[in-house]
Amino acid sequence: MRTHISKIFEMCILDLYSHHFVTSDLQFGFKKGLGCSHVLYTVRSIVQYYTAGNSTVNLCALDMAKAFNKDMLCS
């Protein structure tokens, strides 16, 4: 039940104040209309650009799914 109330609260706050929440154009997460496909396209384009110039590209990815205890978030 708490999660439903928090979602409704979040929707109300976003509806009233979303124009105050300005983010960088370089941010992909938690933005309306953007998702994994946009990130993957951007990363692939950057890698292709640098490898075409015979540069080495190093990538690091973090899976944050396990970083939070979901049991504690829902209690």
C-alpha atoms as a PDB file:
ATOM      1  CA  MET A   1       0.000   0.000   0.000  1.00  0.00           C
ATOM      2  CA  ARG A   2       2.843   2.390   0.800  1.00  0.00           C
ATOM      3  CA  THR A   3       4.304   2.028  -2.662  1.00  0.00           C
ATOM      4  CA  HIS A   4       0.998   3.089  -4.235  1.00  0.00           C
ATOM      5  CA  ILE A   5       0.806   6.179  -2.049  1.00  0.00           C
ATOM      6  CA  SER A   6       4.403   7.109  -2.822  1.00  0.00           C
ATOM      7  CA  LYS A   7       3.792   6.679  -6.572  1.00  0.00           C
ATOM      8  CA  ILE A   8       0.732   8.939  -6.408  1.00  0.00           C
ATOM      9  CA  PHE A   9       2.714  11.486  -4.398  1.00  0.00           C
ATOM     10  CA  GLU A  10       5.560  11.337  -6.938  1.00  0.00           C
ATOM     11  CA  MET A  11       3.139  11.842  -9.847  1.00  0.00           C
ATOM     12  CA  CYS A  12       1.587  14.878  -8.130  1.00  0.00           C
ATOM     13  CA  ILE A  13       4.985  16.443  -7.406  1.00  0.00           C
ATOM     14  CA  LEU A  14       6.155  15.854 -10.975  1.00  0.00           C
ATOM     15  CA  ASP A  15       2.933  17.231 -12.413  1.00  0.00           C
ATOM     16  CA  LEU A  16       3.201  20.418 -10.347  1.00  0.00           C
ATOM     17  CA  TYR A  17       6.955  21.028 -10.348  1.00  0.00           C
ATOM     18  CA  SER A  18       8.504  19.193 -13.310  1.00  0.00           C
ATOM     19  CA  HIS A  19       9.427  22.486 -14.999  1.00  0.00           C
ATOM     20  CA  HIS A  20      11.802  23.158 -12.065  1.00  0.00           C
ATOM     21  CA  PHE A  21      13.662  19.863 -12.505  1.00  0.00           C
ATOM     22  CA  VAL A  22      16.251  20.643 -15.161  1.00  0.00           C
ATOM     23  CA  THR A  23      18.723  17.918 -16.112  1.00  0.00           C
ATOM     24  CA  SER A  24      21.698  17.729 -18.396  1.00  0.00           C
ATOM     25  CA  ASP A  25      21.215  16.702 -22.014  1.00  0.00           C
ATOM     26  CA  LEU A  26      23.922  14.119 -21.320  1.00  0.00           C
ATOM     27  CA  GLN A  27      21.733  12.331 -18.766  1.00  0.00           C
ATOM     28  CA  PHE A  28      19.778   9.351 -20.067  1.00  0.00           C
ATOM     29  CA  GLY A  29      18.353   7.694 -16.967  1.00  0.00           C
ATOM     30  CA  PHE A  30      15.078   8.761 -15.415  1.00  0.00           C
ATOM     31  CA  LYS A  31      14.084  10.993 -18.320  1.00  0.00           C
ATOM     32  CA  LYS A  32      10.825  10.757 -20.201  1.00  0.00           C
ATOM     33  CA  GLY A  33      11.184   9.395 -23.719  1.00  0.00           C
ATOM     34  CA  LEU A  34      14.731   8.083 -23.274  1.00  0.00           C
ATOM     35  CA  GLY A  35      15.820   4.544 -22.631  1.00  0.00           C
ATOM     36  CA  CYS A  36      18.463   1.907 -23.150  1.00  0.00           C
ATOM     37  CA  SER A  37      18.346   2.139 -26.934  1.00  0.00           C
ATOM     38  CA  HIS A  38      19.415   5.804 -26.797  1.00  0.00           C
ATOM     39  CA  VAL A  39      22.329   4.988 -24.514  1.00  0.00           C
ATOM     40  CA  LEU A  40      23.427   2.026 -26.625  1.00  0.00           C
ATOM     41  CA  TYR A  41      23.314   4.127 -29.814  1.00  0.00           C
ATOM     42  CA  THR A  42      25.396   6.869 -28.186  1.00  0.00           C
ATOM     43  CA  VAL A  43      27.996   4.465 -26.798  1.00  0.00           C
ATOM     44  CA  ARG A  44      28.252   2.609 -30.106  1.00  0.00           C
ATOM     45  CA  SER A  45      28.698   5.878 -32.034  1.00  0.00           C
ATOM     46  CA  ILE A  46      31.440   7.047 -29.680  1.00  0.00           C
ATOM     47  CA  VAL A  47      33.266   3.712 -29.854  1.00  0.00           C
ATOM     48  CA  GLN A  48      33.056   3.670 -33.660  1.00  0.00           C
ATOM     49  CA  TYR A  49      34.372   7.236 -33.852  1.00  0.00           C
ATOM     50  CA  TYR A  50      37.452   6.503 -31.759  1.00  0.00           C
ATOM     51  CA  THR A  51      38.188   3.075 -33.230  1.00  0.00           C
ATOM     52  CA  ALA A  52      37.964   4.561 -36.725  1.00  0.00           C
ATOM     53  CA  GLY A  53      40.830   6.833 -35.654  1.00  0.00           C
ATOM     54  CA  ASN A  54      42.833   3.810 -34.436  1.00  0.00           C
ATOM     55  CA  SER A  55      42.367   4.795 -30.786  1.00  0.00           C
ATOM     56  CA  THR A  56      41.899   2.401 -27.917  1.00  0.00           C
ATOM     57  CA  VAL A  57      38.534   2.536 -26.185  1.00  0.00           C
ATOM     58  CA  ASN A  58      38.078   1.351 -22.598  1.00  0.00           C
ATOM     59  CA  LEU A  59      34.586   0.882 -21.197  1.00  0.00           C
ATOM     60  CA  CYS A  60      33.349   0.242 -17.696  1.00  0.00           C
ATOM     61  CA  ALA A  61      29.773  -0.765 -16.897  1.00  0.00           C
ATOM     62  CA  LEU A  62      28.151  -1.114 -13.495  1.00  0.00           C
ATOM     63  CA  ASP A  63      25.043  -3.154 -12.807  1.00  0.00           C
ATOM     64  CA  MET A  64      23.400  -1.286  -9.947  1.00  0.00           C
ATOM     65  CA  ALA A  65      20.426  -3.662  -9.711  1.00  0.00           C
ATOM     66  CA  LYS A  66      21.979  -5.502  -6.778  1.00  0.00           C
ATOM     67  CA  ALA A  67      23.092  -2.319  -4.998  1.00  0.00           C
ATOM     68  CA  PHE A  68      19.808  -1.874  -3.149  1.00  0.00           C
ATOM     69  CA  ASN A  69      18.007  -4.223  -0.820  1.00  0.00           C
ATOM     70  CA  LYS A  70      14.490  -4.347  -2.263  1.00  0.00           C
ATOM     71  CA  ASP A  71      13.086  -5.815   0.968  1.00  0.00           C
ATOM     72  CA  MET A  72      14.108  -2.697   2.880  1.00  0.00           C
ATOM     73  CA  LEU A  73      12.682  -0.352   0.227  1.00  0.00           C
ATOM     74  CA  CYS A  74       9.218  -1.919   0.417  1.00  0.00           C
ATOM     75  CA  SER A  75       8.920  -2.070   4.188  1.00  0.00           C
END
